[in-house]
């Protein structure tokens, strides 16, 4: 496994976090960011993961550009 494969795997993981919908998927399971911030447990592991998901969702435009670069490189290199 090379560095390129590892980076592609991380990109797929970030893409998965970017498409999560808080209202449809996270809130019914008790993973709502507003619920965590209201209880004051933002420093917990659950709060940190929700903060990461929230931050990734704001970076969708650079993520689209990164995906285009990876797809282009894969098309050229085979």
PDB file of N, CA and C in Angstrom:
ATOM      1  N   UNK A   1       0.839  -1.170   0.000  1.00  0.00           N
ATOM      2  CA  UNK A   1       0.000   0.000   0.000  1.00  0.00           C
ATOM      3  C   UNK A   1       0.888   1.238   0.000  1.00  0.00           C
ATOM      4  N   UNK A   2       0.663   2.072  -0.950  1.00  0.00           N
ATOM      5  CA  UNK A   2       1.486   3.261  -1.064  1.00  0.00           C
ATOM      6  C   UNK A   2       0.835   4.479  -0.452  1.00  0.00           C
ATOM      7  N   UNK A   3       1.561   5.569  -0.493  1.00  0.00           N
ATOM      8  CA  UNK A   3       1.068   6.829   0.046  1.00  0.00           C
ATOM      9  C   UNK A   3      -0.147   7.323  -0.738  1.00  0.00           C
ATOM     10  N   UNK A   4      -0.126   7.146  -2.067  1.00  0.00           N
ATOM     11  CA  UNK A   4      -1.246   7.592  -2.902  1.00  0.00           C
ATOM     12  C   UNK A   4      -2.523   6.845  -2.531  1.00  0.00           C
ATOM     13  N   UNK A   5      -2.440   5.551  -2.288  1.00  0.00           N
ATOM     14  CA  UNK A   5      -3.604   4.758  -1.904  1.00  0.00           C
ATOM     15  C   UNK A   5      -4.137   5.207  -0.546  1.00  0.00           C
ATOM     16  N   UNK A   6      -3.245   5.512   0.368  1.00  0.00           N
ATOM     17  CA  UNK A   6      -3.657   6.000   1.673  1.00  0.00           C
ATOM     18  C   UNK A   6      -4.374   7.342   1.556  1.00  0.00           C
ATOM     19  N   UNK A   7      -3.860   8.233   0.732  1.00  0.00           N
ATOM     20  CA  UNK A   7      -4.500   9.532   0.537  1.00  0.00           C
ATOM     21  C   UNK A   7      -5.863   9.388  -0.128  1.00  0.00           C
ATOM     22  N   UNK A   8      -5.992   8.455  -1.059  1.00  0.00           N
ATOM     23  CA  UNK A   8      -7.294   8.214  -1.685  1.00  0.00           C
ATOM     24  C   UNK A   8      -8.302   7.690  -0.661  1.00  0.00           C
ATOM     25  N   UNK A   9      -7.860   6.826   0.215  1.00  0.00           N
ATOM     26  CA  UNK A   9      -8.733   6.308   1.264  1.00  0.00           C
ATOM     27  C   UNK A   9      -9.188   7.405   2.218  1.00  0.00           C
ATOM     28  N   UNK A  10      -8.277   8.301   2.594  1.00  0.00           N
ATOM     29  CA  UNK A  10      -8.642   9.425   3.450  1.00  0.00           C
ATOM     30  C   UNK A  10      -9.614  10.368   2.751  1.00  0.00           C
ATOM     31  N   UNK A  11      -9.424  10.558   1.446  1.00  0.00           N
ATOM     32  CA  UNK A  11     -10.338  11.400   0.684  1.00  0.00           C
ATOM     33  C   UNK A  11     -11.736  10.783   0.656  1.00  0.00           C
ATOM     34  N   UNK A  12     -11.820   9.474   0.518  1.00  0.00           N
ATOM     35  CA  UNK A  12     -13.125   8.809   0.547  1.00  0.00           C
ATOM     36  C   UNK A  12     -13.789   8.960   1.917  1.00  0.00           C
ATOM     37  N   UNK A  13     -13.017   8.879   2.983  1.00  0.00           N
ATOM     38  CA  UNK A  13     -13.557   9.052   4.325  1.00  0.00           C
ATOM     39  C   UNK A  13     -14.066  10.478   4.533  1.00  0.00           C
ATOM     40  N   UNK A  14     -13.312  11.463   4.068  1.00  0.00           N
ATOM     41  CA  UNK A  14     -13.739  12.861   4.180  1.00  0.00           C
ATOM     42  C   UNK A  14     -14.991  13.097   3.353  1.00  0.00           C
ATOM     43  N   UNK A  15     -15.076  12.484   2.172  1.00  0.00           N
ATOM     44  CA  UNK A  15     -16.289  12.596   1.361  1.00  0.00           C
ATOM     45  C   UNK A  15     -17.492  12.015   2.092  1.00  0.00           C
ATOM     46  N   UNK A  16     -17.300  10.910   2.783  1.00  0.00           N
ATOM     47  CA  UNK A  16     -18.399  10.297   3.528  1.00  0.00           C
ATOM     48  C   UNK A  16     -18.880  11.222   4.644  1.00  0.00           C
ATOM     49  N   UNK A  17     -17.959  11.877   5.340  1.00  0.00           N
ATOM     50  CA  UNK A  17     -18.353  12.813   6.390  1.00  0.00           C
ATOM     51  C   UNK A  17     -19.034  14.050   5.812  1.00  0.00           C
ATOM     52  N   UNK A  18     -18.626  14.460   4.623  1.00  0.00           N
ATOM     53  CA  UNK A  18     -19.167  15.682   4.023  1.00  0.00           C
ATOM     54  C   UNK A  18     -20.623  15.523   3.601  1.00  0.00           C
ATOM     55  N   UNK A  19     -21.054  14.318   3.284  1.00  0.00           N
ATOM     56  CA  UNK A  19     -22.422  14.151   2.806  1.00  0.00           C
ATOM     57  C   UNK A  19     -23.403  13.756   3.904  1.00  0.00           C
ATOM     58  N   UNK A  20     -22.922  13.599   5.133  1.00  0.00           N
ATOM     59  CA  UNK A  20     -23.835  13.258   6.222  1.00  0.00           C
ATOM     60  C   UNK A  20     -24.786  14.417   6.490  1.00  0.00           C
ATOM     61  N   UNK A  21     -26.064  14.123   6.563  1.00  0.00           N
ATOM     62  CA  UNK A  21     -27.072  15.122   6.865  1.00  0.00           C
ATOM     63  C   UNK A  21     -27.415  15.024   8.346  1.00  0.00           C
ATOM     64  N   UNK A  22     -27.250  16.118   9.062  1.00  0.00           N
ATOM     65  CA  UNK A  22     -27.465  16.086  10.504  1.00  0.00           C
ATOM     66  C   UNK A  22     -28.930  15.819  10.853  1.00  0.00           C
ATOM     67  N   UNK A  23     -29.852  16.422  10.126  1.00  0.00           N
ATOM     68  CA  UNK A  23     -31.274  16.259  10.448  1.00  0.00           C
ATOM     69  C   UNK A  23     -31.780  14.856  10.155  1.00  0.00           C
ATOM     70  N   UNK A  24     -31.338  14.272   9.070  1.00  0.00           N
ATOM     71  CA  UNK A  24     -31.843  12.954   8.675  1.00  0.00           C
ATOM     72  C   UNK A  24     -31.113  11.791   9.326  1.00  0.00           C
ATOM     73  N   UNK A  25     -29.813  11.907   9.468  1.00  0.00           N
ATOM     74  CA  UNK A  25     -29.030  10.755   9.906  1.00  0.00           C
ATOM     75  C   UNK A  25     -28.511  10.872  11.332  1.00  0.00           C
ATOM     76  N   UNK A  26     -27.959  12.009  11.687  1.00  0.00           N
ATOM     77  CA  UNK A  26     -27.284  12.136  12.972  1.00  0.00           C
ATOM     78  C   UNK A  26     -28.244  12.425  14.131  1.00  0.00           C
ATOM     79  N   UNK A  27     -29.205  13.324  13.943  1.00  0.00           N
ATOM     80  CA  UNK A  27     -30.102  13.719  15.032  1.00  0.00           C
ATOM     81  C   UNK A  27     -30.954  12.567  15.560  1.00  0.00           C
ATOM     82  N   UNK A  28     -31.517  11.691  14.724  1.00  0.00           N
ATOM     83  CA  UNK A  28     -32.302  10.582  15.286  1.00  0.00           C
ATOM     84  C   UNK A  28     -31.487   9.621  16.147  1.00  0.00           C
ATOM     85  N   UNK A  29     -30.189   9.586  15.953  1.00  0.00           N
ATOM     86  CA  UNK A  29     -29.330   8.707  16.734  1.00  0.00           C
ATOM     87  C   UNK A  29     -28.707   9.420  17.937  1.00  0.00           C
ATOM     88  N   UNK A  30     -29.100  10.677  18.176  1.00  0.00           N
ATOM     89  CA  UNK A  30     -28.573  11.428  19.312  1.00  0.00           C
ATOM     90  C   UNK A  30     -27.236  12.090  19.054  1.00  0.00           C
ATOM     91  N   UNK A  31     -26.877  12.281  17.802  1.00  0.00           N
ATOM     92  CA  UNK A  31     -25.593  12.891  17.448  1.00  0.00           C
ATOM     93  C   UNK A  31     -25.774  14.287  16.859  1.00  0.00           C
ATOM     94  N   UNK A  32     -26.662  15.064  17.407  1.00  0.00           N
ATOM     95  CA  UNK A  32     -26.908  16.422  16.931  1.00  0.00           C
ATOM     96  C   UNK A  32     -25.914  17.379  17.571  1.00  0.00           C
ATOM     97  N   UNK A  33     -25.355  18.292  16.779  1.00  0.00           N
ATOM     98  CA  UNK A  33     -24.377  19.238  17.303  1.00  0.00           C
ATOM     99  C   UNK A  33     -25.029  20.204  18.278  1.00  0.00           C
ATOM    100  N   UNK A  34     -26.289  20.580  18.024  1.00  0.00           N
ATOM    101  CA  UNK A  34     -26.978  21.492  18.942  1.00  0.00           C
ATOM    102  C   UNK A  34     -27.241  20.821  20.290  1.00  0.00           C
ATOM    103  N   UNK A  35     -27.479  19.525  20.268  1.00  0.00           N
ATOM    104  CA  UNK A  35     -27.689  18.774  21.511  1.00  0.00           C
ATOM    105  C   UNK A  35     -26.408  18.717  22.348  1.00  0.00           C
ATOM    106  N   UNK A  36     -25.293  18.532  21.694  1.00  0.00           N
ATOM    107  CA  UNK A  36     -24.005  18.445  22.398  1.00  0.00           C
ATOM    108  C   UNK A  36     -23.603  19.811  22.942  1.00  0.00           C
ATOM    109  N   UNK A  37     -23.776  20.875  22.144  1.00  0.00           N
ATOM    110  CA  UNK A  37     -23.368  22.204  22.603  1.00  0.00           C
ATOM    111  C   UNK A  37     -24.287  22.715  23.711  1.00  0.00           C
ATOM    112  N   UNK A  38     -25.554  22.294  23.722  1.00  0.00           N
ATOM    113  CA  UNK A  38     -26.474  22.726  24.778  1.00  0.00           C
ATOM    114  C   UNK A  38     -26.127  22.067  26.117  1.00  0.00           C
ATOM    115  N   UNK A  39     -25.645  20.827  26.060  1.00  0.00           N
ATOM    116  CA  UNK A  39     -25.327  20.131  27.303  1.00  0.00           C
ATOM    117  C   UNK A  39     -23.943  20.506  27.839  1.00  0.00           C
ATOM    118  N   UNK A  40     -23.137  21.196  27.035  1.00  0.00           N
ATOM    119  CA  UNK A  40     -21.816  21.633  27.485  1.00  0.00           C
ATOM    120  C   UNK A  40     -20.749  20.564  27.400  1.00  0.00           C
ATOM    121  N   UNK A  41     -20.997  19.491  26.640  1.00  0.00           N
ATOM    122  CA  UNK A  41     -20.018  18.406  26.519  1.00  0.00           C
ATOM    123  C   UNK A  41     -19.286  18.473  25.181  1.00  0.00           C
ATOM    124  N   UNK A  42     -18.896  19.668  24.788  1.00  0.00           N
ATOM    125  CA  UNK A  42     -18.217  19.849  23.504  1.00  0.00           C
ATOM    126  C   UNK A  42     -16.820  19.235  23.534  1.00  0.00           C
ATOM    127  N   UNK A  43     -16.211  19.144  24.699  1.00  0.00           N
ATOM    128  CA  UNK A  43     -14.853  18.604  24.817  1.00  0.00           C
ATOM    129  C   UNK A  43     -14.821  17.080  24.825  1.00  0.00           C
ATOM    130  N   UNK A  44     -15.973  16.436  24.871  1.00  0.00           N
ATOM    131  CA  UNK A  44     -16.000  14.976  24.873  1.00  0.00           C
ATOM    132  C   UNK A  44     -15.639  14.445  23.492  1.00  0.00           C
ATOM    133  N   UNK A  45     -15.417  13.151  23.399  1.00  0.00           N
ATOM    134  CA  UNK A  45     -15.065  12.530  22.121  1.00  0.00           C
ATOM    135  C   UNK A  45     -16.206  12.690  21.117  1.00  0.00           C
ATOM    136  N   UNK A  46     -17.430  12.523  21.579  1.00  0.00           N
ATOM    137  CA  UNK A  46     -18.601  12.682  20.719  1.00  0.00           C
ATOM    138  C   UNK A  46     -18.691  14.120  20.198  1.00  0.00           C
ATOM    139  N   UNK A  47     -18.435  15.086  21.064  1.00  0.00           N
ATOM    140  CA  UNK A  47     -18.446  16.488  20.658  1.00  0.00           C
ATOM    141  C   UNK A  47     -17.342  16.811  19.668  1.00  0.00           C
ATOM    142  N   UNK A  48     -16.183  16.209  19.855  1.00  0.00           N
ATOM    143  CA  UNK A  48     -15.069  16.441  18.937  1.00  0.00           C
ATOM    144  C   UNK A  48     -15.366  15.867  17.544  1.00  0.00           C
ATOM    145  N   UNK A  49     -15.965  14.678  17.504  1.00  0.00           N
ATOM    146  CA  UNK A  49     -16.312  14.063  16.215  1.00  0.00           C
ATOM    147  C   UNK A  49     -17.372  14.901  15.502  1.00  0.00           C
ATOM    148  N   UNK A  50     -18.373  15.379  16.249  1.00  0.00           N
ATOM    149  CA  UNK A  50     -19.401  16.221  15.637  1.00  0.00           C
ATOM    150  C   UNK A  50     -18.823  17.541  15.152  1.00  0.00           C
ATOM    151  N   UNK A  51     -17.873  18.096  15.878  1.00  0.00           N
ATOM    152  CA  UNK A  51     -17.204  19.307  15.422  1.00  0.00           C
ATOM    153  C   UNK A  51     -16.408  19.073  14.143  1.00  0.00           C
ATOM    154  N   UNK A  52     -15.773  17.907  14.048  1.00  0.00           N
ATOM    155  CA  UNK A  52     -15.033  17.558  12.834  1.00  0.00           C
ATOM    156  C   UNK A  52     -15.973  17.411  11.646  1.00  0.00           C
ATOM    157  N   UNK A  53     -17.108  16.751  11.849  1.00  0.00           N
ATOM    158  CA  UNK A  53     -18.091  16.587  10.773  1.00  0.00           C
ATOM    159  C   UNK A  53     -18.624  17.947  10.344  1.00  0.00           C
ATOM    160  N   UNK A  54     -18.888  18.818  11.296  1.00  0.00           N
ATOM    161  CA  UNK A  54     -19.383  20.153  10.980  1.00  0.00           C
ATOM    162  C   UNK A  54     -18.342  20.962  10.205  1.00  0.00           C
ATOM    163  N   UNK A  55     -17.081  20.841  10.572  1.00  0.00           N
ATOM    164  CA  UNK A  55     -16.014  21.568   9.874  1.00  0.00           C
ATOM    165  C   UNK A  55     -15.824  21.045   8.458  1.00  0.00           C
ATOM    166  N   UNK A  56     -15.923  19.742   8.283  1.00  0.00           N
ATOM    167  CA  UNK A  56     -15.755  19.155   6.952  1.00  0.00           C
ATOM    168  C   UNK A  56     -16.873  19.602   6.023  1.00  0.00           C
ATOM    169  N   UNK A  57     -18.074  19.767   6.555  1.00  0.00           N
ATOM    170  CA  UNK A  57     -19.197  20.168   5.723  1.00  0.00           C
ATOM    171  C   UNK A  57     -19.046  21.592   5.208  1.00  0.00           C
ATOM    172  N   UNK A  58     -18.268  22.427   5.886  1.00  0.00           N
ATOM    173  CA  UNK A  58     -18.007  23.772   5.394  1.00  0.00           C
ATOM    174  C   UNK A  58     -16.933  23.786   4.303  1.00  0.00           C
ATOM    175  N   UNK A  59     -16.182  22.724   4.158  1.00  0.00           N
ATOM    176  CA  UNK A  59     -15.100  22.670   3.178  1.00  0.00           C
ATOM    177  C   UNK A  59     -15.504  21.900   1.919  1.00  0.00           C
ATOM    178  N   UNK A  60     -16.747  21.992   1.519  1.00  0.00           N
ATOM    179  CA  UNK A  60     -17.222  21.224   0.367  1.00  0.00           C
ATOM    180  C   UNK A  60     -16.614  21.691  -0.946  1.00  0.00           C
ATOM    181  N   UNK A  61     -16.444  23.000  -1.135  1.00  0.00           N
ATOM    182  CA  UNK A  61     -15.901  23.510  -2.404  1.00  0.00           C
ATOM    183  C   UNK A  61     -14.450  23.064  -2.602  1.00  0.00           C
ATOM    184  N   UNK A  62     -13.549  23.211  -1.608  1.00  0.00           N
ATOM    185  CA  UNK A  62     -12.200  22.677  -1.800  1.00  0.00           C
ATOM    186  C   UNK A  62     -12.195  21.153  -1.950  1.00  0.00           C
ATOM    187  N   UNK A  63     -13.150  20.491  -1.331  1.00  0.00           N
ATOM    188  CA  UNK A  63     -13.242  19.042  -1.450  1.00  0.00           C
ATOM    189  C   UNK A  63     -13.616  18.630  -2.871  1.00  0.00           C
ATOM    190  N   UNK A  64     -14.496  19.390  -3.506  1.00  0.00           N
ATOM    191  CA  UNK A  64     -14.856  19.120  -4.901  1.00  0.00           C
ATOM    192  C   UNK A  64     -13.632  19.288  -5.793  1.00  0.00           C
ATOM    193  N   UNK A  65     -12.861  20.345  -5.565  1.00  0.00           N
ATOM    194  CA  UNK A  65     -11.647  20.573  -6.357  1.00  0.00           C
ATOM    195  C   UNK A  65     -10.645  19.438  -6.153  1.00  0.00           C
ATOM    196  N   UNK A  66     -10.477  18.990  -4.927  1.00  0.00           N
ATOM    197  CA  UNK A  66      -9.553  17.894  -4.643  1.00  0.00           C
ATOM    198  C   UNK A  66     -10.012  16.601  -5.308  1.00  0.00           C
ATOM    199  N   UNK A  67     -11.314  16.351  -5.301  1.00  0.00           N
ATOM    200  CA  UNK A  67     -11.848  15.174  -5.980  1.00  0.00           C
ATOM    201  C   UNK A  67     -11.587  15.236  -7.486  1.00  0.00           C
ATOM    202  N   UNK A  68     -11.760  16.409  -8.070  1.00  0.00           N
ATOM    203  CA  UNK A  68     -11.491  16.561  -9.505  1.00  0.00           C
ATOM    204  C   UNK A  68     -10.027  16.302  -9.833  1.00  0.00           C
ATOM    205  N   UNK A  69      -9.131  16.769  -8.979  1.00  0.00           N
ATOM    206  CA  UNK A  69      -7.705  16.526  -9.199  1.00  0.00           C
ATOM    207  C   UNK A  69      -7.402  15.035  -9.125  1.00  0.00           C
ATOM    208  N   UNK A  70      -7.952  14.352  -8.131  1.00  0.00           N
ATOM    209  CA  UNK A  70      -7.689  12.923  -7.972  1.00  0.00           C
ATOM    210  C   UNK A  70      -8.256  12.132  -9.152  1.00  0.00           C
ATOM    211  N   UNK A  71      -9.453  12.480  -9.595  1.00  0.00           N
ATOM    212  CA  UNK A  71     -10.054  11.777 -10.740  1.00  0.00           C
ATOM    213  C   UNK A  71      -9.226  12.005 -12.000  1.00  0.00           C
ATOM    214  N   UNK A  72      -8.762  13.248 -12.200  1.00  0.00           N
ATOM    215  CA  UNK A  72      -7.936  13.550 -13.371  1.00  0.00           C
ATOM    216  C   UNK A  72      -6.620  12.764 -13.351  1.00  0.00           C
ATOM    217  N   UNK A  73      -5.978  12.721 -12.203  1.00  0.00           N
ATOM    218  CA  UNK A  73      -4.728  11.962 -12.086  1.00  0.00           C
ATOM    219  C   UNK A  73      -4.966  10.487 -12.339  1.00  0.00           C
ATOM    220  N   UNK A  74      -6.069   9.949 -11.813  1.00  0.00           N
ATOM    221  CA  UNK A  74      -6.378   8.528 -12.025  1.00  0.00           C
ATOM    222  C   UNK A  74      -6.665   8.251 -13.491  1.00  0.00           C
ATOM    223  N   UNK A  75      -7.311   9.179 -14.181  1.00  0.00           N
ATOM    224  CA  UNK A  75      -7.604   8.974 -15.605  1.00  0.00           C
ATOM    225  C   UNK A  75      -6.333   9.013 -16.433  1.00  0.00           C
ATOM    226  N   UNK A  76      -5.415   9.888 -16.077  1.00  0.00           N
ATOM    227  CA  UNK A  76      -4.171  10.020 -16.839  1.00  0.00           C
ATOM    228  C   UNK A  76      -3.242   8.851 -16.566  1.00  0.00           C
ATOM    229  N   UNK A  77      -3.107   8.477 -15.297  1.00  0.00           N
ATOM    230  CA  UNK A  77      -2.142   7.433 -14.950  1.00  0.00           C
ATOM    231  C   UNK A  77      -2.684   6.022 -15.164  1.00  0.00           C
ATOM    232  N   UNK A  78      -3.981   5.905 -15.222  1.00  0.00           N
ATOM    233  CA  UNK A  78      -4.561   4.587 -15.512  1.00  0.00           C
ATOM    234  C   UNK A  78      -4.918   3.883 -14.320  1.00  0.00           C
TER     235      UNK A  78
END
